[in-house]
Amino acid sequence: MKEIREEKKIGEGVGFERIRRITGYLVGTTDRFNNAKRAEEKDRVKHNTKGLDCTC
């Protein structure tokens, strides 16, 4: 009899939380930000590494 085995990917089913460094502090969520700080965060330039050639 052939055994059917499901393979799971590493990290599958593990929760992910984004951590940000804002003015020297590590912040998990922005729910405690006032309106001015939320607007500042929204207006920031977002950077990505897509398309960069890294030969590390």
C-alpha atoms as a PDB file:
ATOM      1  CA  MET A   1       0.000   0.000   0.000  1.00  0.00           C
ATOM      2  CA  LYS A   2       1.332   3.438  -0.936  1.00  0.00           C
ATOM      3  CA  GLU A   3       1.477   6.035   1.836  1.00  0.00           C
ATOM      4  CA  ILE A   4       0.219   9.514   0.933  1.00  0.00           C
ATOM      5  CA  ARG A   5       2.089  12.187   2.840  1.00  0.00           C
ATOM      6  CA  GLU A   6       1.304  15.899   2.772  1.00  0.00           C
ATOM      7  CA  GLU A   7       4.308  18.174   2.772  1.00  0.00           C
ATOM      8  CA  LYS A   8       4.123  21.460   4.633  1.00  0.00           C
ATOM      9  CA  LYS A   9       6.220  24.482   3.854  1.00  0.00           C
ATOM     10  CA  ILE A  10       8.458  25.896   6.544  1.00  0.00           C
ATOM     11  CA  GLY A  11       6.587  28.585   8.464  1.00  0.00           C
ATOM     12  CA  GLU A  12       3.174  27.569   7.126  1.00  0.00           C
ATOM     13  CA  GLY A  13       0.464  28.360   9.649  1.00  0.00           C
ATOM     14  CA  VAL A  14       2.732  30.644  11.699  1.00  0.00           C
ATOM     15  CA  GLY A  15       1.400  34.124  12.375  1.00  0.00           C
ATOM     16  CA  PHE A  16       3.352  37.122  11.089  1.00  0.00           C
ATOM     17  CA  GLU A  17       3.486  40.522  12.714  1.00  0.00           C
ATOM     18  CA  ARG A  18       5.099  43.537  11.095  1.00  0.00           C
ATOM     19  CA  ILE A  19       7.553  45.442  13.281  1.00  0.00           C
ATOM     20  CA  ARG A  20       8.454  49.042  12.435  1.00  0.00           C
ATOM     21  CA  ARG A  21      11.209  51.241  13.785  1.00  0.00           C
ATOM     22  CA  ILE A  22       9.757  54.678  14.379  1.00  0.00           C
ATOM     23  CA  THR A  23      11.866  57.432  15.950  1.00  0.00           C
ATOM     24  CA  GLY A  24      14.133  54.872  17.571  1.00  0.00           C
ATOM     25  CA  TYR A  25      11.391  52.668  19.011  1.00  0.00           C
ATOM     26  CA  LEU A  26      10.169  49.292  17.774  1.00  0.00           C
ATOM     27  CA  VAL A  27       6.427  49.422  17.182  1.00  0.00           C
ATOM     28  CA  GLY A  28       4.210  46.425  16.433  1.00  0.00           C
ATOM     29  CA  THR A  29       0.941  48.146  15.604  1.00  0.00           C
ATOM     30  CA  THR A  30      -0.071  51.713  14.893  1.00  0.00           C
ATOM     31  CA  ASP A  31      -3.391  51.534  16.736  1.00  0.00           C
ATOM     32  CA  ARG A  32      -2.107  53.835  19.513  1.00  0.00           C
ATOM     33  CA  PHE A  33      -0.966  56.548  17.076  1.00  0.00           C
ATOM     34  CA  ASN A  34      -2.757  59.882  17.054  1.00  0.00           C
ATOM     35  CA  ASN A  35      -4.050  61.334  13.767  1.00  0.00           C
ATOM     36  CA  ALA A  36      -0.881  63.350  13.104  1.00  0.00           C
ATOM     37  CA  LYS A  37       1.418  60.318  13.521  1.00  0.00           C
ATOM     38  CA  ARG A  38      -0.861  58.172  11.328  1.00  0.00           C
ATOM     39  CA  ALA A  39      -0.768  60.851   8.603  1.00  0.00           C
ATOM     40  CA  GLU A  40       3.027  61.050   8.876  1.00  0.00           C
ATOM     41  CA  GLU A  41       3.345  57.278   8.488  1.00  0.00           C
ATOM     42  CA  LYS A  42       0.961  57.285   5.506  1.00  0.00           C
ATOM     43  CA  ASP A  43       2.930  60.045   3.730  1.00  0.00           C
ATOM     44  CA  ARG A  44       6.303  58.285   4.034  1.00  0.00           C
ATOM     45  CA  VAL A  45       8.060  57.061   0.911  1.00  0.00           C
ATOM     46  CA  LYS A  46       7.826  53.283   0.607  1.00  0.00           C
ATOM     47  CA  HIS A  47      10.985  51.548  -0.615  1.00  0.00           C
ATOM     48  CA  ASN A  48      11.303  48.078  -2.075  1.00  0.00           C
ATOM     49  CA  THR A  49      14.116  45.892  -3.343  1.00  0.00           C
ATOM     50  CA  LYS A  50      12.277  44.517  -6.368  1.00  0.00           C
ATOM     51  CA  GLY A  51      14.460  44.646  -9.449  1.00  0.00           C
ATOM     52  CA  LEU A  52      17.712  45.320  -7.600  1.00  0.00           C
ATOM     53  CA  ASP A  53      20.653  43.129  -8.527  1.00  0.00           C
ATOM     54  CA  CYS A  54      22.282  41.993  -5.305  1.00  0.00           C
ATOM     55  CA  THR A  55      25.298  39.719  -5.590  1.00  0.00           C
ATOM     56  CA  CYS A  56      25.669  39.140  -1.886  1.00  0.00           C
END
